[in-house]
Amino acid sequence: MFGLYNNYKMNKNDDRSADLSLLTERNNTEALKYMLRILFLGVILYFI
């Protein structure tokens, strides 16, 4: 996830910066949802 953010920062001056930022934003939200799902599952399993 942080690698994607660093990739976005490096490519900010690129011609394709708009496409890259949109792609990175979508990937970050997907990764965040995935992490939250894993965390939620872990909490449920912890209480069982």
N, C-alpha and C. Protein backbone atom coordinates (compact mmCIF):
# COMPACT_ATOMS: atom_id res chain seq x y z
N MET A 1 0.83 -1.20 0.00
CA MET A 1 0.00 0.00 0.00
C MET A 1 0.87 1.25 0.00
N PHE A 2 1.89 1.27 0.86
CA PHE A 2 2.78 2.43 0.90
C PHE A 2 3.65 2.48 -0.35
N GLY A 3 3.94 1.31 -0.92
CA GLY A 3 4.68 1.29 -2.18
C GLY A 3 3.91 1.97 -3.29
N LEU A 4 2.59 1.77 -3.30
CA LEU A 4 1.75 2.42 -4.30
C LEU A 4 1.79 3.93 -4.12
N TYR A 5 1.78 4.38 -2.87
CA TYR A 5 1.80 5.82 -2.60
C TYR A 5 3.13 6.42 -3.04
N ASN A 6 4.24 5.72 -2.75
CA ASN A 6 5.55 6.20 -3.18
C ASN A 6 5.64 6.22 -4.70
N ASN A 7 5.06 5.23 -5.35
CA ASN A 7 5.03 5.18 -6.80
C ASN A 7 4.27 6.38 -7.35
N TYR A 8 3.18 6.74 -6.70
CA TYR A 8 2.39 7.90 -7.11
C TYR A 8 3.20 9.18 -6.94
N LYS A 9 3.92 9.30 -5.82
CA LYS A 9 4.73 10.50 -5.58
C LYS A 9 5.82 10.64 -6.62
N MET A 10 6.46 9.52 -6.98
CA MET A 10 7.54 9.56 -7.96
C MET A 10 7.02 9.94 -9.35
N ASN A 11 5.83 9.45 -9.68
CA ASN A 11 5.29 9.66 -11.02
C ASN A 11 4.40 10.89 -11.11
N LYS A 12 4.41 11.74 -10.08
CA LYS A 12 3.52 12.89 -10.06
C LYS A 12 3.85 13.87 -11.19
N ASN A 13 5.13 13.96 -11.56
CA ASN A 13 5.55 14.89 -12.60
C ASN A 13 5.44 14.30 -13.99
N ASP A 14 4.95 13.08 -14.07
CA ASP A 14 4.86 12.40 -15.35
C ASP A 14 3.68 12.93 -16.16
N ASP A 15 3.69 12.67 -17.47
CA ASP A 15 2.59 13.09 -18.34
C ASP A 15 1.31 12.34 -17.98
N ARG A 16 1.48 11.11 -17.54
CA ARG A 16 0.32 10.26 -17.24
C ARG A 16 -0.08 10.36 -15.77
N SER A 17 0.26 11.48 -15.12
CA SER A 17 0.05 11.60 -13.68
C SER A 17 -1.43 11.46 -13.30
N ALA A 18 -2.33 11.97 -14.16
CA ALA A 18 -3.76 11.88 -13.84
C ALA A 18 -4.20 10.42 -13.81
N ASP A 19 -3.82 9.66 -14.86
CA ASP A 19 -4.18 8.24 -14.91
C ASP A 19 -3.58 7.49 -13.73
N LEU A 20 -2.31 7.77 -13.44
CA LEU A 20 -1.63 7.07 -12.36
C LEU A 20 -2.27 7.37 -11.02
N SER A 21 -2.63 8.64 -10.80
CA SER A 21 -3.23 9.00 -9.51
C SER A 21 -4.59 8.32 -9.34
N LEU A 22 -5.37 8.27 -10.42
CA LEU A 22 -6.66 7.60 -10.35
C LEU A 22 -6.48 6.12 -10.06
N LEU A 23 -5.55 5.49 -10.75
CA LEU A 23 -5.28 4.07 -10.57
C LEU A 23 -4.81 3.80 -9.14
N THR A 24 -3.89 4.65 -8.66
CA THR A 24 -3.35 4.48 -7.31
C THR A 24 -4.44 4.67 -6.26
N GLU A 25 -5.30 5.65 -6.48
CA GLU A 25 -6.38 5.90 -5.54
C GLU A 25 -7.29 4.68 -5.43
N ARG A 26 -7.64 4.10 -6.58
CA ARG A 26 -8.51 2.93 -6.58
C ARG A 26 -7.82 1.75 -5.89
N ASN A 27 -6.53 1.55 -6.20
CA ASN A 27 -5.79 0.45 -5.59
C ASN A 27 -5.68 0.64 -4.08
N ASN A 28 -5.48 1.87 -3.63
CA ASN A 28 -5.37 2.13 -2.20
C ASN A 28 -6.68 1.84 -1.48
N THR A 29 -7.81 2.24 -2.07
CA THR A 29 -9.09 1.96 -1.43
C THR A 29 -9.36 0.46 -1.40
N GLU A 30 -8.98 -0.25 -2.48
CA GLU A 30 -9.15 -1.70 -2.50
C GLU A 30 -8.29 -2.34 -1.41
N ALA A 31 -7.05 -1.90 -1.28
CA ALA A 31 -6.14 -2.45 -0.27
C ALA A 31 -6.66 -2.14 1.13
N LEU A 32 -7.19 -0.94 1.31
CA LEU A 32 -7.71 -0.54 2.61
C LEU A 32 -8.92 -1.40 3.00
N LYS A 33 -9.81 -1.62 2.03
CA LYS A 33 -10.98 -2.47 2.29
C LYS A 33 -10.53 -3.89 2.64
N TYR A 34 -9.52 -4.38 1.92
CA TYR A 34 -9.00 -5.73 2.17
C TYR A 34 -8.42 -5.83 3.57
N MET A 35 -7.65 -4.80 3.97
CA MET A 35 -7.04 -4.79 5.30
C MET A 35 -8.10 -4.72 6.38
N LEU A 36 -9.12 -3.88 6.17
CA LEU A 36 -10.20 -3.77 7.16
C LEU A 36 -10.96 -5.08 7.30
N ARG A 37 -11.15 -5.77 6.17
CA ARG A 37 -11.85 -7.06 6.19
C ARG A 37 -11.05 -8.07 7.00
N ILE A 38 -9.73 -8.11 6.79
CA ILE A 38 -8.87 -9.03 7.52
C ILE A 38 -8.88 -8.70 9.02
N LEU A 39 -8.82 -7.40 9.33
CA LEU A 39 -8.84 -6.96 10.72
C LEU A 39 -10.15 -7.36 11.40
N PHE A 40 -11.26 -7.14 10.70
CA PHE A 40 -12.59 -7.49 11.22
C PHE A 40 -12.69 -8.98 11.48
N LEU A 41 -12.18 -9.78 10.52
CA LEU A 41 -12.20 -11.22 10.65
C LEU A 41 -11.35 -11.66 11.85
N GLY A 42 -10.20 -11.02 12.01
CA GLY A 42 -9.32 -11.33 13.13
C GLY A 42 -9.97 -11.04 14.47
N VAL A 43 -10.69 -9.92 14.56
CA VAL A 43 -11.38 -9.56 15.80
C VAL A 43 -12.48 -10.57 16.11
N ILE A 44 -13.23 -10.96 15.09
CA ILE A 44 -14.30 -11.96 15.28
C ILE A 44 -13.71 -13.29 15.75
N LEU A 45 -12.63 -13.72 15.10
CA LEU A 45 -12.00 -14.99 15.48
C LEU A 45 -11.40 -14.91 16.88
N TYR A 46 -10.93 -13.72 17.27
CA TYR A 46 -10.34 -13.54 18.60
C TYR A 46 -11.40 -13.72 19.69
N PHE A 47 -12.60 -13.25 19.43
CA PHE A 47 -13.65 -13.31 20.45
C PHE A 47 -14.35 -14.66 20.50
N ILE A 48 -14.19 -15.47 19.47
CA ILE A 48 -14.83 -16.80 19.46
C ILE A 48 -14.09 -17.76 20.39
